PDB file of N, CA and C in Angstrom:
ATOM      1  N   MET A   1      31.527  17.942 111.095  1.00  0.00           N
ATOM      2  CA  MET A   1      32.439  18.249 109.977  1.00  0.00           C
ATOM      3  C   MET A   1      33.656  16.925 109.693  1.00  0.00           C
ATOM      4  N   ARG A   2      34.105  16.629 110.962  1.00  0.00           N
ATOM      5  CA  ARG A   2      35.037  15.239 111.081  1.00  0.00           C
ATOM      6  C   ARG A   2      34.057  14.264 110.157  1.00  0.00           C
ATOM      7  N   GLY A   3      32.618  14.036 110.906  1.00  0.00           N
ATOM      8  CA  GLY A   3      32.269  12.739 110.551  1.00  0.00           C
ATOM      9  C   GLY A   3      32.002  13.078 108.549  1.00  0.00           C
ATOM     10  N   LYS A   4      31.859  14.605 108.063  1.00  0.00           N
ATOM     11  CA  LYS A   4      31.866  13.922 106.503  1.00  0.00           C
ATOM     12  C   LYS A   4      32.960  13.906 106.128  1.00  0.00           C
ATOM     13  N   ILE A   5      34.285  14.488 106.439  1.00  0.00           N
ATOM     14  CA  ILE A   5      35.032  14.301 105.672  1.00  0.00           C
ATOM     15  C   ILE A   5      35.209  12.777 105.874  1.00  0.00           C
ATOM     16  N   PHE A   6      35.422  12.130 106.745  1.00  0.00           N
ATOM     17  CA  PHE A   6      35.442  10.300 107.149  1.00  0.00           C
ATOM     18  C   PHE A   6      34.493  10.010 106.175  1.00  0.00           C
ATOM     19  N   ALA A   7      33.151  10.395 106.274  1.00  0.00           N
ATOM     20  CA  ALA A   7      32.113   9.723 105.586  1.00  0.00           C
ATOM     21  C   ALA A   7      33.035   9.495 103.760  1.00  0.00           C
ATOM     22  N   GLY A   8      33.652  11.514 103.212  1.00  0.00           N
ATOM     23  CA  GLY A   8      33.485  11.039 102.008  1.00  0.00           C
ATOM     24  C   GLY A   8      34.714  10.389 101.708  1.00  0.00           C
ATOM     25  N   VAL A   9      36.396  10.641 102.218  1.00  0.00           N
ATOM     26  CA  VAL A   9      37.160   9.431 102.103  1.00  0.00           C
ATOM     27  C   VAL A   9      36.399   7.773 102.053  1.00  0.00           C
ATOM     28  N   ALA A  10      35.765   7.690 102.806  1.00  0.00           N
ATOM     29  CA  ALA A  10      34.870   6.203 103.135  1.00  0.00           C
ATOM     30  C   ALA A  10      34.410   5.346 101.849  1.00  0.00           C
ATOM     31  N   ALA A  11      33.330   6.878 101.382  1.00  0.00           N
ATOM     32  CA  ALA A  11      33.154   7.080  99.998  1.00  0.00           C
ATOM     33  C   ALA A  11      33.871   6.399  98.508  1.00  0.00           C
ATOM     34  N   VAL A  12      34.713   7.406  98.489  1.00  0.00           N
ATOM     35  CA  VAL A  12      35.921   7.297  97.664  1.00  0.00           C
ATOM     36  C   VAL A  12      36.654   5.826  97.777  1.00  0.00           C
ATOM     37  N   ILE A  13      36.785   5.568  98.707  1.00  0.00           N
ATOM     38  CA  ILE A  13      37.688   4.242  98.912  1.00  0.00           C
ATOM     39  C   ILE A  13      36.961   3.656  98.515  1.00  0.00           C
ATOM     40  N   GLY A  14      35.654   3.148  99.356  1.00  0.00           N
ATOM     41  CA  GLY A  14      34.940   2.064  98.900  1.00  0.00           C
ATOM     42  C   GLY A  14      34.256   1.885  97.215  1.00  0.00           C
ATOM     43  N   ALA A  15      34.121   3.405  97.108  1.00  0.00           N
ATOM     44  CA  ALA A  15      33.830   3.048  95.141  1.00  0.00           C
ATOM     45  C   ALA A  15      34.883   2.852  94.191  1.00  0.00           C
ATOM     46  N   ALA A  16      36.057   2.875  94.729  1.00  0.00           N
ATOM     47  CA  ALA A  16      37.104   2.870  93.576  1.00  0.00           C
ATOM     48  C   ALA A  16      37.412   1.157  93.757  1.00  0.00           C
ATOM     49  N   VAL A  17      37.575   1.064  95.132  1.00  0.00           N
ATOM     50  CA  VAL A  17      36.992  -0.772  95.646  1.00  0.00           C
ATOM     51  C   VAL A  17      36.476  -1.422  94.406  1.00  0.00           C
ATOM     52  N   LEU A  18      35.027  -0.700  94.703  1.00  0.00           N
ATOM     53  CA  LEU A  18      34.223  -1.963  93.727  1.00  0.00           C
ATOM     54  C   LEU A  18      33.812  -1.540  92.395  1.00  0.00           C
ATOM     55  N   THR A  19      34.856  -0.090  92.096  1.00  0.00           N
ATOM     56  CA  THR A  19      34.796  -0.190  90.419  1.00  0.00           C
ATOM     57  C   THR A  19      35.858  -1.228  90.113  1.00  0.00           C
ATOM     58  N   LEU A  20      37.038  -1.607  90.946  1.00  0.00           N
ATOM     59  CA  LEU A  20      38.501  -2.146  90.409  1.00  0.00           C
ATOM     60  C   LEU A  20      37.479  -3.530  90.621  1.00  0.00           C
ATOM     61  N   ALA A  21      37.367  -4.087  91.690  1.00  0.00           N
ATOM     62  CA  ALA A  21      36.507  -5.423  91.730  1.00  0.00           C
ATOM     63  C   ALA A  21      36.020  -5.489  90.360  1.00  0.00           C
ATOM     64  N   THR A  22      34.314  -4.956  89.587  1.00  0.00           N
ATOM     65  CA  THR A  22      33.913  -5.201  88.845  1.00  0.00           C
ATOM     66  C   THR A  22      35.240  -5.075  87.031  1.00  0.00           C
ATOM     67  N   MET A  23      36.082  -4.123  87.816  1.00  0.00           N
ATOM     68  CA  MET A  23      36.802  -4.371  86.359  1.00  0.00           C
ATOM     69  C   MET A  23      37.660  -5.765  86.614  1.00  0.00           C
ATOM     70  N   VAL A  24      38.314  -6.146  87.455  1.00  0.00           N
ATOM     71  CA  VAL A  24      39.088  -7.860  87.526  1.00  0.00           C
ATOM     72  C   VAL A  24      37.535  -8.798  87.185  1.00  0.00           C
ATOM     73  N   ALA A  25      36.481  -8.326  87.299  1.00  0.00           N
ATOM     74  CA  ALA A  25      35.789  -9.549  87.087  1.00  0.00           C
ATOM     75  C   ALA A  25      34.997  -9.398  85.870  1.00  0.00           C
ATOM     76  N   LEU A  26      35.205  -8.547  85.099  1.00  0.00           N
ATOM     77  CA  LEU A  26      34.929  -8.363  83.953  1.00  0.00           C
ATOM     78  C   LEU A  26      36.091  -9.549  83.375  1.00  0.00           C
ATOM     79  N   VAL A  27      37.788  -8.568  83.526  1.00  0.00           N
ATOM     80  CA  VAL A  27      38.660  -9.016  82.582  1.00  0.00           C
ATOM     81  C   VAL A  27      38.723 -11.014  82.607  1.00  0.00           C
ATOM     82  N   GLN A  28      38.425 -11.296  83.620  1.00  0.00           N
ATOM     83  CA  GLN A  28      37.863 -12.813  83.675  1.00  0.00           C
ATOM     84  C   GLN A  28      37.035 -13.086  82.970  1.00  0.00           C
ATOM     85  N   GLY A  29      36.124 -12.765  83.344  1.00  0.00           N
ATOM     86  CA  GLY A  29      34.722 -13.185  82.493  1.00  0.00           C
ATOM     87  C   GLY A  29      35.115 -13.385  80.863  1.00  0.00           C
ATOM     88  N   SER A  30      36.040 -12.241  80.575  1.00  0.00           N
ATOM     89  CA  SER A  30      36.357 -11.666  79.276  1.00  0.00           C
ATOM     90  C   SER A  30      36.963 -13.120  78.784  1.00  0.00           C
ATOM     91  N   ILE A  31      38.036 -13.344  79.637  1.00  0.00           N
ATOM     92  CA  ILE A  31      38.765 -14.252  79.400  1.00  0.00           C
ATOM     93  C   ILE A  31      38.369 -16.001  79.103  1.00  0.00           C
ATOM     94  N   LEU A  32      37.561 -15.929  79.919  1.00  0.00           N
ATOM     95  CA  LEU A  32      37.235 -17.045  80.243  1.00  0.00           C
ATOM     96  C   LEU A  32      35.719 -17.212  78.780  1.00  0.00           C
ATOM     97  N   ALA A  33      35.182 -15.775  78.529  1.00  0.00           N
ATOM     98  CA  ALA A  33      34.184 -15.937  77.330  1.00  0.00           C
ATOM     99  C   ALA A  33      35.042 -16.017  76.238  1.00  0.00           C
ATOM    100  N   VAL A  34      36.481 -15.756  75.542  1.00  0.00           N
ATOM    101  CA  VAL A  34      36.931 -15.788  74.352  1.00  0.00           C
ATOM    102  C   VAL A  34      37.775 -17.351  74.145  1.00  0.00           C
ATOM    103  N   SER A  35      37.698 -17.844  75.535  1.00  0.00           N
ATOM    104  CA  SER A  35      37.891 -19.356  75.342  1.00  0.00           C
ATOM    105  C   SER A  35      37.281 -20.679  74.902  1.00  0.00           C
ATOM    106  N   ILE A  36      36.009 -19.968  75.209  1.00  0.00           N
ATOM    107  CA  ILE A  36      35.155 -21.027  74.332  1.00  0.00           C
ATOM    108  C   ILE A  36      35.087 -21.473  73.345  1.00  0.00           C
ATOM    109  N   SER A  37      34.882 -22.963  72.908  1.00  0.00           N
ATOM    110  CA  SER A  37      35.475 -23.469  71.763  1.00  0.00           C
ATOM    111  C   SER A  37      34.506 -23.458  70.677  1.00  0.00           C
ATOM    112  N   ASN A  38      32.671 -23.367  71.267  1.00  0.00           N
ATOM    113  CA  ASN A  38      31.696 -23.440  70.101  1.00  0.00           C
ATOM    114  C   ASN A  38      31.812 -21.697  69.943  1.00  0.00           C
ATOM    115  N   LEU A  39      31.562 -21.585  68.692  1.00  0.00           N
ATOM    116  CA  LEU A  39      31.902 -20.051  68.379  1.00  0.00           C
ATOM    117  C   LEU A  39      30.302 -19.299  68.480  1.00  0.00           C
ATOM    118  N   ALA A  40      29.028 -20.620  68.504  1.00  0.00           N
ATOM    119  CA  ALA A  40      27.686 -19.846  68.753  1.00  0.00           C
ATOM    120  C   ALA A  40      27.345 -19.391  70.598  1.00  0.00           C
ATOM    121  N   LEU A  41      27.956 -20.362  70.917  1.00  0.00           N
ATOM    122  CA  LEU A  41      28.285 -20.142  72.739  1.00  0.00           C
ATOM    123  C   LEU A  41      29.496 -19.053  72.857  1.00  0.00           C
ATOM    124  N   ARG A  42      30.208 -18.892  72.595  1.00  0.00           N
ATOM    125  CA  ARG A  42      31.501 -17.886  72.081  1.00  0.00           C
ATOM    126  C   ARG A  42      30.908 -16.549  72.088  1.00  0.00           C
ATOM    127  N   ILE A  43      30.148 -16.073  71.314  1.00  0.00           N
ATOM    128  CA  ILE A  43      29.473 -15.012  70.609  1.00  0.00           C
ATOM    129  C   ILE A  43      28.563 -14.511  71.839  1.00  0.00           C
ATOM    130  N   VAL A  44      27.803 -15.433  72.650  1.00  0.00           N
ATOM    131  CA  VAL A  44      26.580 -15.067  73.573  1.00  0.00           C
ATOM    132  C   VAL A  44      27.003 -14.638  74.188  1.00  0.00           C
ATOM    133  N   ALA A  45      28.440 -15.452  75.442  1.00  0.00           N
ATOM    134  CA  ALA A  45      28.890 -15.182  76.054  1.00  0.00           C
ATOM    135  C   ALA A  45      29.969 -13.548  76.067  1.00  0.00           C
ATOM    136  N   VAL A  46      30.312 -13.315  74.748  1.00  0.00           N
ATOM    137  CA  VAL A  46      31.065 -12.184  74.621  1.00  0.00           C
ATOM    138  C   VAL A  46      30.060 -11.380  74.756  1.00  0.00           C
ATOM    139  N   ALA A  47      28.820 -11.122  74.002  1.00  0.00           N
ATOM    140  CA  ALA A  47      28.137 -10.271  73.790  1.00  0.00           C
ATOM    141  C   ALA A  47      27.568 -10.051  75.462  1.00  0.00           C
ATOM    142  N   ALA A  48      27.162 -11.454  76.431  1.00  0.00           N
ATOM    143  CA  ALA A  48      26.789 -11.377  77.960  1.00  0.00           C
ATOM    144  C   ALA A  48      27.709 -10.203  78.500  1.00  0.00           C
ATOM    145  N   ASP A  49      28.837 -10.786  78.589  1.00  0.00           N
ATOM    146  CA  ASP A  49      29.978  -9.900  79.119  1.00  0.00           C
ATOM    147  C   ASP A  49      30.046  -8.490  78.681  1.00  0.00           C
ATOM    148  N   ILE A  50      29.580  -8.115  77.335  1.00  0.00           N
ATOM    149  CA  ILE A  50      29.329  -6.562  77.549  1.00  0.00           C
ATOM    150  C   ILE A  50      28.281  -6.120  78.408  1.00  0.00           C
ATOM    151  N   VAL A  51      27.012  -6.532  77.969  1.00  0.00           N
ATOM    152  CA  VAL A  51      26.523  -6.330  78.143  1.00  0.00           C
ATOM    153  C   VAL A  51      26.204  -5.690  79.902  1.00  0.00           C
ATOM    154  N   LEU A  52      26.773  -6.939  80.636  1.00  0.00           N
ATOM    155  CA  LEU A  52      26.716  -7.347  81.925  1.00  0.00           C
ATOM    156  C   LEU A  52      27.903  -5.614  82.119  1.00  0.00           C
ATOM    157  N   GLY A  53      29.247  -6.456  82.034  1.00  0.00           N
ATOM    158  CA  GLY A  53      29.922  -4.819  81.862  1.00  0.00           C
ATOM    159  C   GLY A  53      29.358  -3.798  82.024  1.00  0.00           C
ATOM    160  N   THR A  54      28.984  -3.603  81.506  1.00  0.00           N
ATOM    161  CA  THR A  54      28.386  -1.664  80.930  1.00  0.00           C
ATOM    162  C   THR A  54      27.156  -1.448  81.566  1.00  0.00           C
ATOM    163  N   ILE A  55      26.376  -2.482  82.522  1.00  0.00           N
ATOM    164  CA  ILE A  55      25.461  -2.186  83.578  1.00  0.00           C
ATOM    165  C   ILE A  55      25.893  -2.384  84.893  1.00  0.00           C
ATOM    166  N   LEU A  56      27.304  -3.104  85.332  1.00  0.00           N
ATOM    167  CA  LEU A  56      27.808  -3.131  86.433  1.00  0.00           C
ATOM    168  C   LEU A  56      28.680  -1.709  86.366  1.00  0.00           C
ATOM    169  N   LEU A  57      29.406  -1.087  85.286  1.00  0.00           N
ATOM    170  CA  LEU A  57      30.257  -0.284  85.182  1.00  0.00           C
ATOM    171  C   LEU A  57      29.228   1.048  85.754  1.00  0.00           C
ATOM    172  N   VAL A  58      28.559   1.065  84.616  1.00  0.00           N
ATOM    173  CA  VAL A  58      27.269   2.490  85.354  1.00  0.00           C
ATOM    174  C   VAL A  58      26.351   2.300  86.515  1.00  0.00           C
ATOM    175  N   GLY A  59      26.737   0.771  87.097  1.00  0.00           N
ATOM    176  CA  GLY A  59      26.570   0.879  88.265  1.00  0.00           C
ATOM    177  C   GLY A  59      26.690   1.784  89.665  1.00  0.00           C
ATOM    178  N   CYS A  60      28.910   1.529  89.184  1.00  0.00           N
ATOM    179  CA  CYS A  60      29.571   1.987  90.207  1.00  0.00           C
ATOM    180  C   CYS A  60      29.106   3.297  89.913  1.00  0.00           C
ATOM    181  N   ILE A  61      29.120   4.040  88.540  1.00  0.00           N
ATOM    182  CA  ILE A  61      28.687   5.352  88.439  1.00  0.00           C
ATOM    183  C   ILE A  61      28.146   6.204  89.449  1.00  0.00           C
ATOM    184  N   TYR A  62      26.976   5.383  89.570  1.00  0.00           N
ATOM    185  CA  TYR A  62      26.077   5.837  90.027  1.00  0.00           C
ATOM    186  C   TYR A  62      25.865   5.744  91.610  1.00  0.00           C
ATOM    187  N   PHE A  63      26.270   4.548  91.531  1.00  0.00           N
ATOM    188  CA  PHE A  63      27.010   4.555  93.463  1.00  0.00           C
ATOM    189  C   PHE A  63      27.610   5.629  93.910  1.00  0.00           C
ATOM    190  N   ALA A  64      28.653   5.538  93.048  1.00  0.00           N
ATOM    191  CA  ALA A  64      29.307   6.862  93.822  1.00  0.00           C
ATOM    192  C   ALA A  64      29.123   8.375  93.292  1.00  0.00           C
ATOM    193  N   THR A  65      28.112   8.735  92.577  1.00  0.00           N
ATOM    194  CA  THR A  65      28.034   9.965  92.322  1.00  0.00           C
ATOM    195  C   THR A  65      26.799   9.861  93.730  1.00  0.00           C
ATOM    196  N   HIS A  66      25.560   8.992  93.314  1.00  0.00           N
ATOM    197  CA  HIS A  66      24.386   9.025  94.918  1.00  0.00           C
ATOM    198  C   HIS A  66      25.063   8.788  95.713  1.00  0.00           C
ATOM    199  N   LEU A  67      26.445   8.516  96.685  1.00  0.00           N
ATOM    200  CA  LEU A  67      27.105   8.769  97.935  1.00  0.00           C
ATOM    201  C   LEU A  67      27.349   9.880  98.237  1.00  0.00           C
ATOM    202  N   ALA A  68      28.257  10.943  97.103  1.00  0.00           N
ATOM    203  CA  ALA A  68      28.106  12.170  97.406  1.00  0.00           C
ATOM    204  C   ALA A  68      27.740  12.895  97.270  1.00  0.00           C
ATOM    205  N   VAL A  69      26.387  12.745  96.295  1.00  0.00           N
ATOM    206  CA  VAL A  69      25.213  13.761  96.448  1.00  0.00           C
ATOM    207  C   VAL A  69      24.995  13.629  98.388  1.00  0.00           C
ATOM    208  N   ARG A  70      24.771  12.131  98.414  1.00  0.00           N
ATOM    209  CA  ARG A  70      24.471  12.371 100.137  1.00  0.00           C
ATOM    210  C   ARG A  70      24.884  13.062 101.032  1.00  0.00           C
ATOM    211  N   ILE A  71      26.138  12.885 100.903  1.00  0.00           N
ATOM    212  CA  ILE A  71      27.228  13.507 102.072  1.00  0.00           C
ATOM    213  C   ILE A  71      27.267  14.378 101.752  1.00  0.00           C
ATOM    214  N   LEU A  72      27.589  15.116 100.701  1.00  0.00           N
ATOM    215  CA  LEU A  72      27.825  16.694 100.321  1.00  0.00           C
ATOM    216  C   LEU A  72      26.796  17.514 100.667  1.00  0.00           C
ATOM    217  N   GLY A  73      25.393  16.974 100.564  1.00  0.00           N
ATOM    218  CA  GLY A  73      24.024  17.605 100.806  1.00  0.00           C
ATOM    219  C   GLY A  73      23.909  18.375  99.739  1.00  0.00           C
ATOM    220  N   VAL A  74      24.086  18.438  98.448  1.00  0.00           N
ATOM    221  CA  VAL A  74      24.051  19.210  97.268  1.00  0.00           C
ATOM    222  C   VAL A  74      22.628  18.849  96.957  1.00  0.00           C
ATOM    223  N   GLY A  75      21.854  18.010  97.166  1.00  0.00           N
ATOM    224  CA  GLY A  75      20.518  17.537  96.281  1.00  0.00           C
ATOM    225  C   GLY A  75      20.109  18.475  96.698  1.00  0.00           C
ATOM    226  N   ASN A  76      19.415  19.257  97.534  1.00  0.00           N
ATOM    227  CA  ASN A  76      18.097  20.325  97.858  1.00  0.00           C
ATOM    228  C   ASN A  76      18.688  21.889  97.775  1.00  0.00           C
ATOM    229  N   ALA A  77      19.879  21.867  96.333  1.00  0.00           N
ATOM    230  CA  ALA A  77      19.974  23.543  96.309  1.00  0.00           C
ATOM    231  C   ALA A  77      19.026  23.961  95.884  1.00  0.00           C
ATOM    232  N   ASP A  78      18.910  25.169  95.592  1.00  0.00           N
ATOM    233  CA  ASP A  78      18.473  26.216  94.655  1.00  0.00           C
ATOM    234  C   ASP A  78      19.082  25.751  93.342  1.00  0.00           C
ATOM    235  N   PHE A  79      18.399  26.178  92.064  1.00  0.00           N
ATOM    236  CA  PHE A  79      18.956  26.617  90.936  1.00  0.00           C
ATOM    237  C   PHE A  79      19.258  27.510  91.339  1.00  0.00           C
ATOM    238  N   PRO A  80      20.422  28.272  90.626  1.00  0.00           N
ATOM    239  CA  PRO A  80      21.034  29.959  90.182  1.00  0.00           C
ATOM    240  C   PRO A  80      19.999  30.303  89.360  1.00  0.00           C
ATOM    241  N   PRO A  81      20.018  31.756  89.928  1.00  0.00           N
ATOM    242  CA  PRO A  81      19.085  32.611  88.829  1.00  0.00           C
ATOM    243  C   PRO A  81      19.198  32.763  87.437  1.00  0.00           C
ATOM    244  N   LEU A  82      18.499  32.682  86.794  1.00  0.00           N
ATOM    245  CA  LEU A  82      18.548  33.125  85.073  1.00  0.00           C
ATOM    246  C   LEU A  82      19.800  34.415  85.363  1.00  0.00           C
ATOM    247  N   PRO A  83      20.514  34.275  83.908  1.00  0.00           N
ATOM    248  CA  PRO A  83      20.790  35.972  83.987  1.00  0.00           C
ATOM    249  C   PRO A  83      20.102  36.592  83.160  1.00  0.00           C
ATOM    250  N   ASP A  84      20.256  37.780  83.550  1.00  0.00           N
ATOM    251  CA  ASP A  84      19.768  38.689  82.551  1.00  0.00           C
ATOM    252  C   ASP A  84      19.770  38.587  81.066  1.00  0.00           C
ATOM    253  N   ASP A  85      18.916  39.494  80.168  1.00  0.00           N
ATOM    254  CA  ASP A  85      18.454  39.301  78.798  1.00  0.00           C
ATOM    255  C   ASP A  85      20.149  40.195  78.661  1.00  0.00           C
ATOM    256  N   THR A  86      20.877  39.571  77.770  1.00  0.00           N
ATOM    257  CA  THR A  86      21.877  40.416  77.190  1.00  0.00           C
ATOM    258  C   THR A  86      21.797  41.011  76.184  1.00  0.00           C
ATOM    259  N   GLY A  87      21.134  40.819  75.270  1.00  0.00           N
ATOM    260  CA  GLY A  87      20.881  41.362  73.852  1.00  0.00           C
ATOM    261  C   GLY A  87      21.351  40.517  73.131  1.00  0.00           C
ATOM    262  N   GLN A  88      21.324  39.417  73.345  1.00  0.00           N
ATOM    263  CA  GLN A  88      22.237  38.751  72.306  1.00  0.00           C
ATOM    264  C   GLN A  88      20.777  38.373  70.761  1.00  0.00           C
ATOM    265  N   GLY A  89      19.507  38.598  70.950  1.00  0.00           N
ATOM    266  CA  GLY A  89      18.180  37.847  70.238  1.00  0.00           C
ATOM    267  C   GLY A  89      18.574  38.960  68.820  1.00  0.00           C
ATOM    268  N   HIS A  90      19.585  40.150  69.306  1.00  0.00           N
ATOM    269  CA  HIS A  90      19.520  41.452  67.729  1.00  0.00           C
ATOM    270  C   HIS A  90      20.610  40.704  67.173  1.00  0.00           C
ATOM    271  N   LEU A  91      21.259  39.081  67.115  1.00  0.00           N
ATOM    272  CA  LEU A  91      22.703  38.469  66.251  1.00  0.00           C
ATOM    273  C   LEU A  91      21.758  39.082  64.946  1.00  0.00           C
ATOM    274  N   PRO A  92      22.788  39.194  63.637  1.00  0.00           N
ATOM    275  CA  PRO A  92      22.379  39.156  62.683  1.00  0.00           C
ATOM    276  C   PRO A  92      22.425  37.525  62.426  1.00  0.00           C
ATOM    277  N   LYS A  93      21.573  36.638  61.528  1.00  0.00           N
ATOM    278  CA  LYS A  93      21.254  35.780  60.916  1.00  0.00           C
ATOM    279  C   LYS A  93      22.432  35.255  59.629  1.00  0.00           C
ATOM    280  N   ASN A  94      22.766  34.047  59.960  1.00  0.00           N
ATOM    281  CA  ASN A  94      23.643  33.364  58.446  1.00  0.00           C
ATOM    282  C   ASN A  94      22.882  33.290  57.571  1.00  0.00           C
TER     283      ASN A  94
END
């Protein structure tokens, strides 16, 4: 049990540090991208910053979610049973 708690705390701290580092890198990249004097190159740099930033942040979310599923072990859980028919098929149509 202690190992699972330690792993959970380490995963949360690791995901937070990774996300914070990504945000710092994105802000620095955005500042550098908008400071480019050539308009065409600035547009390409800002577009690349947006695409790379989106990929990095989605990667951070995936990493944190993947660690949580691995630590908690809910990846092999059964689906809950389907509810019984409640008779809502006889509702009037609008």
